[in-house]
Amino acid sequence: MVIVVPELTGYATLRHIEVSLAHVPALVDGVKYMEPRDVPRLEGTELRRARAPSLRFLVKLALKCDNAEELGKRLRQRYEHAYPPSRREQAAVDWRLAD
């Protein structure tokens, strides 16, 4: 029997771990307690590691900034640099600005 338990990592992200338990047929419900073969596989973006900024990076950036507004702008710049908008998203923004 398996239960999927969330774990908080050192980088302030959650990951789910499968924990094996002694088999108790009365507890197996398919939602919280499952058979090992019934645990869903990770797909797509779930397979990638979360790319959230570390607490250390955020503290250093906050110390460099004069106020919260500047911190927000720098975080937005970092995010947009790491994940540039697709052509479809850019076209949607351009279309909204044209009105």
C-alpha atoms as a PDB file:
ATOM      1  CA  MET A   1       0.000   0.000   0.000  1.00  0.00           C
ATOM      2  CA  VAL A   2       1.248   3.481  -0.878  1.00  0.00           C
ATOM      3  CA  ILE A   3       0.383   6.992   0.292  1.00  0.00           C
ATOM      4  CA  VAL A   4       1.584  10.110  -1.539  1.00  0.00           C
ATOM      5  CA  VAL A   5       2.958  12.646   0.955  1.00  0.00           C
ATOM      6  CA  PRO A   6       3.965  16.255   0.171  1.00  0.00           C
ATOM      7  CA  GLU A   7       7.445  17.266   1.347  1.00  0.00           C
ATOM      8  CA  LEU A   8       8.768  20.806   1.662  1.00  0.00           C
ATOM      9  CA  THR A   9      12.273  20.961   0.214  1.00  0.00           C
ATOM     10  CA  GLY A  10      15.049  23.305   1.303  1.00  0.00           C
ATOM     11  CA  TYR A  11      14.307  25.542  -1.683  1.00  0.00           C
ATOM     12  CA  ALA A  12      10.728  26.331  -0.572  1.00  0.00           C
ATOM     13  CA  THR A  13       9.166  23.978  -3.103  1.00  0.00           C
ATOM     14  CA  LEU A  14       6.923  20.990  -2.660  1.00  0.00           C
ATOM     15  CA  ARG A  15       7.582  17.574  -4.037  1.00  0.00           C
ATOM     16  CA  HIS A  16       5.414  14.506  -3.619  1.00  0.00           C
ATOM     17  CA  ILE A  17       6.944  11.305  -2.312  1.00  0.00           C
ATOM     18  CA  GLU A  18       5.420   7.853  -2.450  1.00  0.00           C
ATOM     19  CA  VAL A  19       5.622   6.224   1.000  1.00  0.00           C
ATOM     20  CA  SER A  20       5.139   2.503   1.261  1.00  0.00           C
ATOM     21  CA  LEU A  21       2.970   1.287   4.144  1.00  0.00           C
ATOM     22  CA  ALA A  22       1.926  -2.119   5.433  1.00  0.00           C
ATOM     23  CA  HIS A  23      -0.993  -3.410   3.376  1.00  0.00           C
ATOM     24  CA  VAL A  24      -4.352  -2.855   5.095  1.00  0.00           C
ATOM     25  CA  PRO A  25      -7.169  -3.756   2.657  1.00  0.00           C
ATOM     26  CA  ALA A  26      -9.755  -1.708   4.589  1.00  0.00           C
ATOM     27  CA  LEU A  27      -7.765   1.532   4.051  1.00  0.00           C
ATOM     28  CA  VAL A  28      -7.222   1.236   0.286  1.00  0.00           C
ATOM     29  CA  ASP A  29      -9.624   3.767  -1.227  1.00  0.00           C
ATOM     30  CA  GLY A  30      -7.820   4.734  -4.458  1.00  0.00           C
ATOM     31  CA  VAL A  31      -7.643   8.396  -3.446  1.00  0.00           C
ATOM     32  CA  LYS A  32      -5.435   8.754  -0.386  1.00  0.00           C
ATOM     33  CA  TYR A  33      -4.220   5.185   0.066  1.00  0.00           C
ATOM     34  CA  MET A  34      -3.440   3.312  -3.162  1.00  0.00           C
ATOM     35  CA  GLU A  35      -1.915   0.166  -4.474  1.00  0.00           C
ATOM     36  CA  PRO A  36       1.628   0.778  -5.845  1.00  0.00           C
ATOM     37  CA  ARG A  37       0.469   0.038  -9.405  1.00  0.00           C
ATOM     38  CA  ASP A  38      -2.329   2.656  -9.141  1.00  0.00           C
ATOM     39  CA  VAL A  39      -0.088   5.654  -8.365  1.00  0.00           C
ATOM     40  CA  PRO A  40      -0.335   8.085 -11.316  1.00  0.00           C
ATOM     41  CA  ARG A  41       2.839   8.709 -13.316  1.00  0.00           C
ATOM     42  CA  LEU A  42       4.299  12.195 -13.568  1.00  0.00           C
ATOM     43  CA  GLU A  43       3.814  13.808 -16.968  1.00  0.00           C
ATOM     44  CA  GLY A  44       4.882  16.945 -18.782  1.00  0.00           C
ATOM     45  CA  THR A  45       5.958  19.838 -16.629  1.00  0.00           C
ATOM     46  CA  GLU A  46       5.654  17.796 -13.423  1.00  0.00           C
ATOM     47  CA  LEU A  47       8.828  15.971 -14.441  1.00  0.00           C
ATOM     48  CA  ARG A  48      10.824  19.205 -14.490  1.00  0.00           C
ATOM     49  CA  ARG A  49      12.375  20.633 -11.375  1.00  0.00           C
ATOM     50  CA  ALA A  50      10.708  23.777 -10.111  1.00  0.00           C
ATOM     51  CA  ARG A  51      12.772  26.829 -11.039  1.00  0.00           C
ATOM     52  CA  ALA A  52      11.684  29.103  -8.218  1.00  0.00           C
ATOM     53  CA  PRO A  53      14.202  31.644  -6.940  1.00  0.00           C
ATOM     54  CA  SER A  54      15.930  30.634  -3.738  1.00  0.00           C
ATOM     55  CA  LEU A  55      15.407  32.535  -0.513  1.00  0.00           C
ATOM     56  CA  ARG A  56      19.077  33.533  -0.577  1.00  0.00           C
ATOM     57  CA  PHE A  57      18.668  35.107  -4.037  1.00  0.00           C
ATOM     58  CA  LEU A  58      15.523  36.980  -2.928  1.00  0.00           C
ATOM     59  CA  VAL A  59      17.238  38.387   0.162  1.00  0.00           C
ATOM     60  CA  LYS A  60      20.260  39.570  -1.847  1.00  0.00           C
ATOM     61  CA  LEU A  61      17.979  41.186  -4.419  1.00  0.00           C
ATOM     62  CA  ALA A  62      15.899  42.866  -1.690  1.00  0.00           C
ATOM     63  CA  LEU A  63      19.053  44.331  -0.134  1.00  0.00           C
ATOM     64  CA  LYS A  64      20.071  45.822  -3.489  1.00  0.00           C
ATOM     65  CA  CYS A  65      16.668  47.474  -4.034  1.00  0.00           C
ATOM     66  CA  ASP A  66      15.545  50.698  -2.397  1.00  0.00           C
ATOM     67  CA  ASN A  67      11.845  49.822  -2.121  1.00  0.00           C
ATOM     68  CA  ALA A  68       9.289  47.111  -2.837  1.00  0.00           C
ATOM     69  CA  GLU A  69       8.340  48.597  -6.202  1.00  0.00           C
ATOM     70  CA  GLU A  70      11.905  48.298  -7.495  1.00  0.00           C
ATOM     71  CA  LEU A  71      12.104  44.741  -6.148  1.00  0.00           C
ATOM     72  CA  GLY A  72       8.928  43.864  -8.036  1.00  0.00           C
ATOM     73  CA  LYS A  73      10.320  45.318 -11.263  1.00  0.00           C
ATOM     74  CA  ARG A  74      13.558  43.363 -10.928  1.00  0.00           C
ATOM     75  CA  LEU A  75      11.705  40.121 -10.236  1.00  0.00           C
ATOM     76  CA  ARG A  76       9.494  40.713 -13.280  1.00  0.00           C
ATOM     77  CA  GLN A  77      12.573  41.366 -15.442  1.00  0.00           C
ATOM     78  CA  ARG A  78      14.184  38.160 -14.189  1.00  0.00           C
ATOM     79  CA  TYR A  79      11.042  36.141 -14.901  1.00  0.00           C
ATOM     80  CA  GLU A  80      10.546  37.638 -18.374  1.00  0.00           C
ATOM     81  CA  HIS A  81      14.200  36.992 -19.206  1.00  0.00           C
ATOM     82  CA  ALA A  82      13.953  33.357 -18.106  1.00  0.00           C
ATOM     83  CA  TYR A  83      10.536  32.732 -19.705  1.00  0.00           C
ATOM     84  CA  PRO A  84      10.046  35.037 -22.697  1.00  0.00           C
ATOM     85  CA  PRO A  85       6.455  35.266 -23.989  1.00  0.00           C
ATOM     86  CA  SER A  86       5.533  33.109 -26.950  1.00  0.00           C
ATOM     87  CA  ARG A  87       4.564  34.724 -30.262  1.00  0.00           C
ATOM     88  CA  ARG A  88       0.907  33.954 -29.554  1.00  0.00           C
ATOM     89  CA  GLU A  89       1.067  35.665 -26.144  1.00  0.00           C
ATOM     90  CA  GLN A  90       2.900  38.652 -27.623  1.00  0.00           C
ATOM     91  CA  ALA A  91       0.291  38.962 -30.398  1.00  0.00           C
ATOM     92  CA  ALA A  92      -2.502  38.927 -27.792  1.00  0.00           C
ATOM     93  CA  VAL A  93      -0.809  41.740 -25.856  1.00  0.00           C
ATOM     94  CA  ASP A  94      -0.254  43.770 -29.038  1.00  0.00           C
ATOM     95  CA  TRP A  95      -3.890  43.268 -30.035  1.00  0.00           C
ATOM     96  CA  ARG A  96      -5.124  44.504 -26.629  1.00  0.00           C
ATOM     97  CA  LEU A  97      -2.845  47.548 -26.756  1.00  0.00           C
ATOM     98  CA  ALA A  98      -4.057  48.486 -30.249  1.00  0.00           C
ATOM     99  CA  ASP A  99      -7.641  49.044 -29.001  1.00  0.00           C
END
